[in-house]
Amino acid sequence: REKVQAAIEQKINGKEITAPKEKKTT
């Protein structure tokens, strides 16, 4: 929910949402 709220703020400010880099799993 916090990520979605932060993404809303990014969209309001005209920024694109970028996917976080995931750690490789073995």
PDB file of all heavy atoms in Angstrom:
ATOM      1  N   ARG A   1       0.845  -1.203   0.000  1.00  0.00           N
ATOM      2  CA  ARG A   1       0.000   0.000   0.000  1.00  0.00           C
ATOM      3  C   ARG A   1       0.876   1.248   0.000  1.00  0.00           C
ATOM      4  O   ARG A   1       0.572   2.229  -0.685  1.00  0.00           O
ATOM      5  CB  ARG A   1      -0.922  -0.012   1.217  1.00  0.00           C
ATOM      6  CG  ARG A   1      -1.867   1.184   1.296  1.00  0.00           C
ATOM      7  CD  ARG A   1      -2.730   1.105   2.547  1.00  0.00           C
ATOM      8  NE  ARG A   1      -3.686   2.192   2.598  1.00  0.00           N
ATOM      9  CZ  ARG A   1      -3.419   3.415   3.060  1.00  0.00           C
ATOM     10  NH1 ARG A   1      -2.202   3.682   3.512  1.00  0.00           N
ATOM     11  NH2 ARG A   1      -4.347   4.347   3.075  1.00  0.00           N
ATOM     12  N   GLU A   2       1.959   1.220   0.772  1.00  0.00           N
ATOM     13  CA  GLU A   2       2.875   2.360   0.817  1.00  0.00           C
ATOM     14  C   GLU A   2       3.527   2.589  -0.555  1.00  0.00           C
ATOM     15  O   GLU A   2       3.745   3.722  -0.968  1.00  0.00           O
ATOM     16  CB  GLU A   2       3.940   2.129   1.880  1.00  0.00           C
ATOM     17  CG  GLU A   2       3.385   2.156   3.306  1.00  0.00           C
ATOM     18  CD  GLU A   2       4.458   1.913   4.351  1.00  0.00           C
ATOM     19  OE1 GLU A   2       5.613   1.623   3.950  1.00  0.00           O
ATOM     20  OE2 GLU A   2       4.156   2.027   5.552  1.00  0.00           O
ATOM     21  N   LYS A   3       3.849   1.480  -1.236  1.00  0.00           N
ATOM     22  CA  LYS A   3       4.435   1.600  -2.577  1.00  0.00           C
ATOM     23  C   LYS A   3       3.440   2.224  -3.554  1.00  0.00           C
ATOM     24  O   LYS A   3       3.803   3.054  -4.390  1.00  0.00           O
ATOM     25  CB  LYS A   3       4.873   0.227  -3.084  1.00  0.00           C
ATOM     26  CG  LYS A   3       6.058  -0.377  -2.346  1.00  0.00           C
ATOM     27  CD  LYS A   3       6.369  -1.768  -2.881  1.00  0.00           C
ATOM     28  CE  LYS A   3       7.497  -2.424  -2.103  1.00  0.00           C
ATOM     29  NZ  LYS A   3       7.756  -3.800  -2.601  1.00  0.00           N
ATOM     30  N   VAL A   4       2.174   1.802  -3.447  1.00  0.00           N
ATOM     31  CA  VAL A   4       1.140   2.357  -4.323  1.00  0.00           C
ATOM     32  C   VAL A   4       0.956   3.848  -4.043  1.00  0.00           C
ATOM     33  O   VAL A   4       0.840   4.657  -4.965  1.00  0.00           O
ATOM     34  CB  VAL A   4      -0.204   1.604  -4.153  1.00  0.00           C
ATOM     35  CG1 VAL A   4      -1.311   2.284  -4.946  1.00  0.00           C
ATOM     36  CG2 VAL A   4      -0.061   0.155  -4.606  1.00  0.00           C
ATOM     37  N   GLN A   5       0.955   4.222  -2.762  1.00  0.00           N
ATOM     38  CA  GLN A   5       0.802   5.623  -2.394  1.00  0.00           C
ATOM     39  C   GLN A   5       1.967   6.459  -2.928  1.00  0.00           C
ATOM     40  O   GLN A   5       1.781   7.566  -3.449  1.00  0.00           O
ATOM     41  CB  GLN A   5       0.739   5.754  -0.866  1.00  0.00           C
ATOM     42  CG  GLN A   5       0.322   7.138  -0.376  1.00  0.00           C
ATOM     43  CD  GLN A   5      -1.115   7.496  -0.755  1.00  0.00           C
ATOM     44  OE1 GLN A   5      -2.044   6.798  -0.378  1.00  0.00           O
ATOM     45  NE2 GLN A   5      -1.270   8.572  -1.511  1.00  0.00           N
ATOM     46  N   ALA A   6       3.187   5.901  -2.832  1.00  0.00           N
ATOM     47  CA  ALA A   6       4.364   6.596  -3.349  1.00  0.00           C
ATOM     48  C   ALA A   6       4.286   6.718  -4.874  1.00  0.00           C
ATOM     49  O   ALA A   6       4.671   7.742  -5.458  1.00  0.00           O
ATOM     50  CB  ALA A   6       5.629   5.848  -2.946  1.00  0.00           C
ATOM     51  N   ALA A   7       3.766   5.658  -5.520  1.00  0.00           N
ATOM     52  CA  ALA A   7       3.630   5.683  -6.981  1.00  0.00           C
ATOM     53  C   ALA A   7       2.620   6.742  -7.420  1.00  0.00           C
ATOM     54  O   ALA A   7       2.796   7.396  -8.455  1.00  0.00           O
ATOM     55  CB  ALA A   7       3.212   4.305  -7.490  1.00  0.00           C
ATOM     56  N   ILE A   8       1.568   6.925  -6.635  1.00  0.00           N
ATOM     57  CA  ILE A   8       0.580   7.973  -6.929  1.00  0.00           C
ATOM     58  C   ILE A   8       1.253   9.345  -6.907  1.00  0.00           C
ATOM     59  O   ILE A   8       1.030  10.184  -7.793  1.00  0.00           O
ATOM     60  CB  ILE A   8      -0.580   7.911  -5.922  1.00  0.00           C
ATOM     61  CG1 ILE A   8      -1.420   6.649  -6.157  1.00  0.00           C
ATOM     62  CG2 ILE A   8      -1.470   9.152  -6.026  1.00  0.00           C
ATOM     63  CD1 ILE A   8      -2.468   6.387  -5.100  1.00  0.00           C
ATOM     64  N   GLU A   9       2.072   9.567  -5.891  1.00  0.00           N
ATOM     65  CA  GLU A   9       2.788  10.842  -5.792  1.00  0.00           C
ATOM     66  C   GLU A   9       3.728  11.039  -6.981  1.00  0.00           C
ATOM     67  O   GLU A   9       3.848  12.151  -7.515  1.00  0.00           O
ATOM     68  CB  GLU A   9       3.583  10.895  -4.476  1.00  0.00           C
ATOM     69  CG  GLU A   9       2.727  10.897  -3.217  1.00  0.00           C
ATOM     70  CD  GLU A   9       1.820  12.113  -3.150  1.00  0.00           C
ATOM     71  OE1 GLU A   9       2.248  13.201  -3.573  1.00  0.00           O
ATOM     72  OE2 GLU A   9       0.670  11.971  -2.683  1.00  0.00           O
ATOM     73  N   GLN A  10       4.381   9.954  -7.407  1.00  0.00           N
ATOM     74  CA  GLN A  10       5.270  10.036  -8.566  1.00  0.00           C
ATOM     75  C   GLN A  10       4.493  10.433  -9.817  1.00  0.00           C
ATOM     76  O   GLN A  10       4.927  11.276 -10.599  1.00  0.00           O
ATOM     77  CB  GLN A  10       5.969   8.694  -8.797  1.00  0.00           C
ATOM     78  CG  GLN A  10       7.091   8.389  -7.814  1.00  0.00           C
ATOM     79  CD  GLN A  10       7.728   7.043  -8.100  1.00  0.00           C
ATOM     80  OE1 GLN A  10       7.223   5.999  -7.711  1.00  0.00           O
ATOM     81  NE2 GLN A  10       8.857   7.065  -8.791  1.00  0.00           N
ATOM     82  N   LYS A  11       3.325   9.791  -9.986  1.00  0.00           N
ATOM     83  CA  LYS A  11       2.491  10.086 -11.156  1.00  0.00           C
ATOM     84  C   LYS A  11       2.018  11.542 -11.125  1.00  0.00           C
ATOM     85  O   LYS A  11       1.993  12.221 -12.159  1.00  0.00           O
ATOM     86  CB  LYS A  11       1.285   9.150 -11.178  1.00  0.00           C
ATOM     87  CG  LYS A  11       1.602   7.704 -11.526  1.00  0.00           C
ATOM     88  CD  LYS A  11       1.591   7.495 -13.026  1.00  0.00           C
ATOM     89  CE  LYS A  11       1.641   6.021 -13.381  1.00  0.00           C
ATOM     90  NZ  LYS A  11       1.608   5.809 -14.848  1.00  0.00           N
ATOM     91  N   ILE A  12       1.630  12.028  -9.961  1.00  0.00           N
ATOM     92  CA  ILE A  12       1.173  13.413  -9.831  1.00  0.00           C
ATOM     93  C   ILE A  12       2.283  14.384 -10.230  1.00  0.00           C
ATOM     94  O   ILE A  12       2.033  15.418 -10.856  1.00  0.00           O
ATOM     95  CB  ILE A  12       0.707  13.692  -8.385  1.00  0.00           C
ATOM     96  CG1 ILE A  12      -0.586  12.916  -8.086  1.00  0.00           C
ATOM     97  CG2 ILE A  12       0.477  15.188  -8.155  1.00  0.00           C
ATOM     98  CD1 ILE A  12      -1.026  12.964  -6.643  1.00  0.00           C
ATOM     99  N   ASN A  13       3.511  14.011  -9.885  1.00  0.00           N
ATOM    100  CA  ASN A  13       4.662  14.864 -10.193  1.00  0.00           C
ATOM    101  C   ASN A  13       5.248  14.602 -11.578  1.00  0.00           C
ATOM    102  O   ASN A  13       6.334  15.090 -11.900  1.00  0.00           O
ATOM    103  CB  ASN A  13       5.747  14.684  -9.122  1.00  0.00           C
ATOM    104  CG  ASN A  13       5.309  15.181  -7.764  1.00  0.00           C
ATOM    105  OD1 ASN A  13       4.649  16.222  -7.664  1.00  0.00           O
ATOM    106  ND2 ASN A  13       5.654  14.465  -6.715  1.00  0.00           N
ATOM    107  N   GLY A  14       4.531  13.810 -12.387  1.00  0.00           N
ATOM    108  CA  GLY A  14       4.946  13.581 -13.759  1.00  0.00           C
ATOM    109  C   GLY A  14       6.088  12.603 -13.925  1.00  0.00           C
ATOM    110  O   GLY A  14       6.722  12.556 -14.995  1.00  0.00           O
ATOM    111  N   LYS A  15       6.345  11.798 -12.898  1.00  0.00           N
ATOM    112  CA  LYS A  15       7.441  10.827 -12.988  1.00  0.00           C
ATOM    113  C   LYS A  15       6.902   9.444 -13.358  1.00  0.00           C
ATOM    114  O   LYS A  15       5.775   9.096 -13.014  1.00  0.00           O
ATOM    115  CB  LYS A  15       8.190  10.762 -11.658  1.00  0.00           C
ATOM    116  CG  LYS A  15       8.860  12.072 -11.264  1.00  0.00           C
ATOM    117  CD  LYS A  15       9.540  11.932  -9.917  1.00  0.00           C
ATOM    118  CE  LYS A  15      10.201  13.235  -9.495  1.00  0.00           C
ATOM    119  NZ  LYS A  15      10.864  13.116  -8.163  1.00  0.00           N
ATOM    120  N   GLU A  16       7.732   8.682 -14.050  1.00  0.00           N
ATOM    121  CA  GLU A  16       7.355   7.327 -14.422  1.00  0.00           C
ATOM    122  C   GLU A  16       7.696   6.362 -13.283  1.00  0.00           C
ATOM    123  O   GLU A  16       8.661   6.570 -12.542  1.00  0.00           O
ATOM    124  CB  GLU A  16       8.080   6.894 -15.703  1.00  0.00           C
ATOM    125  CG  GLU A  16       7.548   7.557 -16.964  1.00  0.00           C
ATOM    126  CD  GLU A  16       6.101   7.170 -17.257  1.00  0.00           C
ATOM    127  OE1 GLU A  16       5.758   5.993 -17.049  1.00  0.00           O
ATOM    128  OE2 GLU A  16       5.333   8.053 -17.671  1.00  0.00           O
ATOM    129  N   ILE A  17       6.934   5.298 -13.209  1.00  0.00           N
ATOM    130  CA  ILE A  17       7.197   4.273 -12.201  1.00  0.00           C
ATOM    131  C   ILE A  17       8.217   3.289 -12.761  1.00  0.00           C
ATOM    132  O   ILE A  17       8.068   2.798 -13.880  1.00  0.00           O
ATOM    133  CB  ILE A  17       5.909   3.520 -11.823  1.00  0.00           C
ATOM    134  CG1 ILE A  17       4.890   4.501 -11.235  1.00  0.00           C
ATOM    135  CG2 ILE A  17       6.199   2.404 -10.830  1.00  0.00           C
ATOM    136  CD1 ILE A  17       3.534   3.890 -11.002  1.00  0.00           C
ATOM    137  N   THR A  18       9.256   3.020 -11.985  1.00  0.00           N
ATOM    138  CA  THR A  18      10.275   2.062 -12.417  1.00  0.00           C
ATOM    139  C   THR A  18      10.244   0.848 -11.506  1.00  0.00           C
ATOM    140  O   THR A  18      10.081   0.968 -10.290  1.00  0.00           O
ATOM    141  CB  THR A  18      11.676   2.697 -12.372  1.00  0.00           C
ATOM    142  OG1 THR A  18      11.928   3.183 -11.046  1.00  0.00           O
ATOM    143  CG2 THR A  18      11.783   3.849 -13.372  1.00  0.00           C
ATOM    144  N   ALA A  19      10.400  -0.329 -12.105  1.00  0.00           N
ATOM    145  CA  ALA A  19      10.387  -1.571 -11.333  1.00  0.00           C
ATOM    146  C   ALA A  19      11.705  -1.709 -10.577  1.00  0.00           C
ATOM    147  O   ALA A  19      12.771  -1.427 -11.124  1.00  0.00           O
ATOM    148  CB  ALA A  19      10.187  -2.765 -12.261  1.00  0.00           C
ATOM    149  N   PRO A  20      11.670  -2.123  -9.323  1.00  0.00           N
ATOM    150  CA  PRO A  20      12.906  -2.285  -8.549  1.00  0.00           C
ATOM    151  C   PRO A  20      13.714  -3.473  -9.068  1.00  0.00           C
ATOM    152  O   PRO A  20      13.167  -4.419  -9.621  1.00  0.00           O
ATOM    153  CB  PRO A  20      12.396  -2.540  -7.130  1.00  0.00           C
ATOM    154  CG  PRO A  20      11.051  -3.154  -7.319  1.00  0.00           C
ATOM    155  CD  PRO A  20      10.478  -2.492  -8.535  1.00  0.00           C
ATOM    156  N   LYS A  21      15.019  -3.397  -8.870  1.00  0.00           N
ATOM    157  CA  LYS A  21      15.887  -4.503  -9.273  1.00  0.00           C
ATOM    158  C   LYS A  21      15.770  -5.627  -8.252  1.00  0.00           C
ATOM    159  O   LYS A  21      15.906  -5.410  -7.055  1.00  0.00           O
ATOM    160  CB  LYS A  21      17.334  -4.028  -9.374  1.00  0.00           C
ATOM    161  CG  LYS A  21      17.576  -3.044 -10.525  1.00  0.00           C
ATOM    162  CD  LYS A  21      19.048  -2.665 -10.593  1.00  0.00           C
ATOM    163  CE  LYS A  21      19.295  -1.704 -11.774  1.00  0.00           C
ATOM    164  NZ  LYS A  21      20.733  -1.305 -11.860  1.00  0.00           N
ATOM    165  N   GLU A  22      15.483  -6.802  -8.768  1.00  0.00           N
ATOM    166  CA  GLU A  22      15.327  -7.960  -7.886  1.00  0.00           C
ATOM    167  C   GLU A  22      16.650  -8.703  -7.756  1.00  0.00           C
ATOM    168  O   GLU A  22      17.409  -8.830  -8.719  1.00  0.00           O
ATOM    169  CB  GLU A  22      14.257  -8.916  -8.441  1.00  0.00           C
ATOM    170  CG  GLU A  22      12.880  -8.294  -8.582  1.00  0.00           C
ATOM    171  CD  GLU A  22      12.132  -8.207  -7.273  1.00  0.00           C
ATOM    172  OE1 GLU A  22      12.650  -8.711  -6.259  1.00  0.00           O
ATOM    173  OE2 GLU A  22      11.036  -7.617  -7.263  1.00  0.00           O
ATOM    174  N   LYS A  23      16.924  -9.186  -6.535  1.00  0.00           N
ATOM    175  CA  LYS A  23      18.120  -9.997  -6.334  1.00  0.00           C
ATOM    176  C   LYS A  23      17.935 -11.362  -6.984  1.00  0.00           C
ATOM    177  O   LYS A  23      16.852 -11.937  -6.955  1.00  0.00           O
ATOM    178  CB  LYS A  23      18.388 -10.174  -4.840  1.00  0.00           C
ATOM    179  CG  LYS A  23      18.790  -8.887  -4.130  1.00  0.00           C
ATOM    180  CD  LYS A  23      19.080  -9.164  -2.659  1.00  0.00           C
ATOM    181  CE  LYS A  23      19.500  -7.895  -1.939  1.00  0.00           C
ATOM    182  NZ  LYS A  23      19.779  -8.159  -0.497  1.00  0.00           N
ATOM    183  N   LYS A  24      19.004 -11.858  -7.564  1.00  0.00           N
ATOM    184  CA  LYS A  24      18.934 -13.184  -8.171  1.00  0.00           C
ATOM    185  C   LYS A  24      18.867 -14.246  -7.087  1.00  0.00           C
ATOM    186  O   LYS A  24      19.558 -14.179  -6.085  1.00  0.00           O
ATOM    187  CB  LYS A  24      20.157 -13.417  -9.056  1.00  0.00           C
ATOM    188  CG  LYS A  24      20.202 -12.549 -10.314  1.00  0.00           C
ATOM    189  CD  LYS A  24      21.395 -12.910 -11.175  1.00  0.00           C
ATOM    190  CE  LYS A  24      21.413 -12.074 -12.454  1.00  0.00           C
ATOM    191  NZ  LYS A  24      22.580 -12.415 -13.328  1.00  0.00           N
ATOM    192  N   THR A  25      17.995 -15.211  -7.313  1.00  0.00           N
ATOM    193  CA  THR A  25      17.851 -16.302  -6.350  1.00  0.00           C
ATOM    194  C   THR A  25      18.511 -17.552  -6.896  1.00  0.00           C
ATOM    195  O   THR A  25      18.442 -17.828  -8.090  1.00  0.00           O
ATOM    196  CB  THR A  25      16.363 -16.591  -6.064  1.00  0.00           C
ATOM    197  OG1 THR A  25      15.697 -16.867  -7.300  1.00  0.00           O
ATOM    198  CG2 THR A  25      15.706 -15.399  -5.405  1.00  0.00           C
ATOM    199  N   THR A  26      19.140 -18.273  -6.020  1.00  0.00           N
ATOM    200  CA  THR A  26      19.798 -19.520  -6.429  1.00  0.00           C
ATOM    201  C   THR A  26      18.928 -20.700  -6.032  1.00  0.00           C
ATOM    202  O   THR A  26      18.249 -20.676  -5.007  1.00  0.00           O
ATOM    203  CB  THR A  26      21.173 -19.647  -5.769  1.00  0.00           C
ATOM    204  OG1 THR A  26      21.017 -19.571  -4.345  1.00  0.00           O
ATOM    205  CG2 THR A  26      22.105 -18.532  -6.232  1.00  0.00           C
TER     206      THR A  26
END
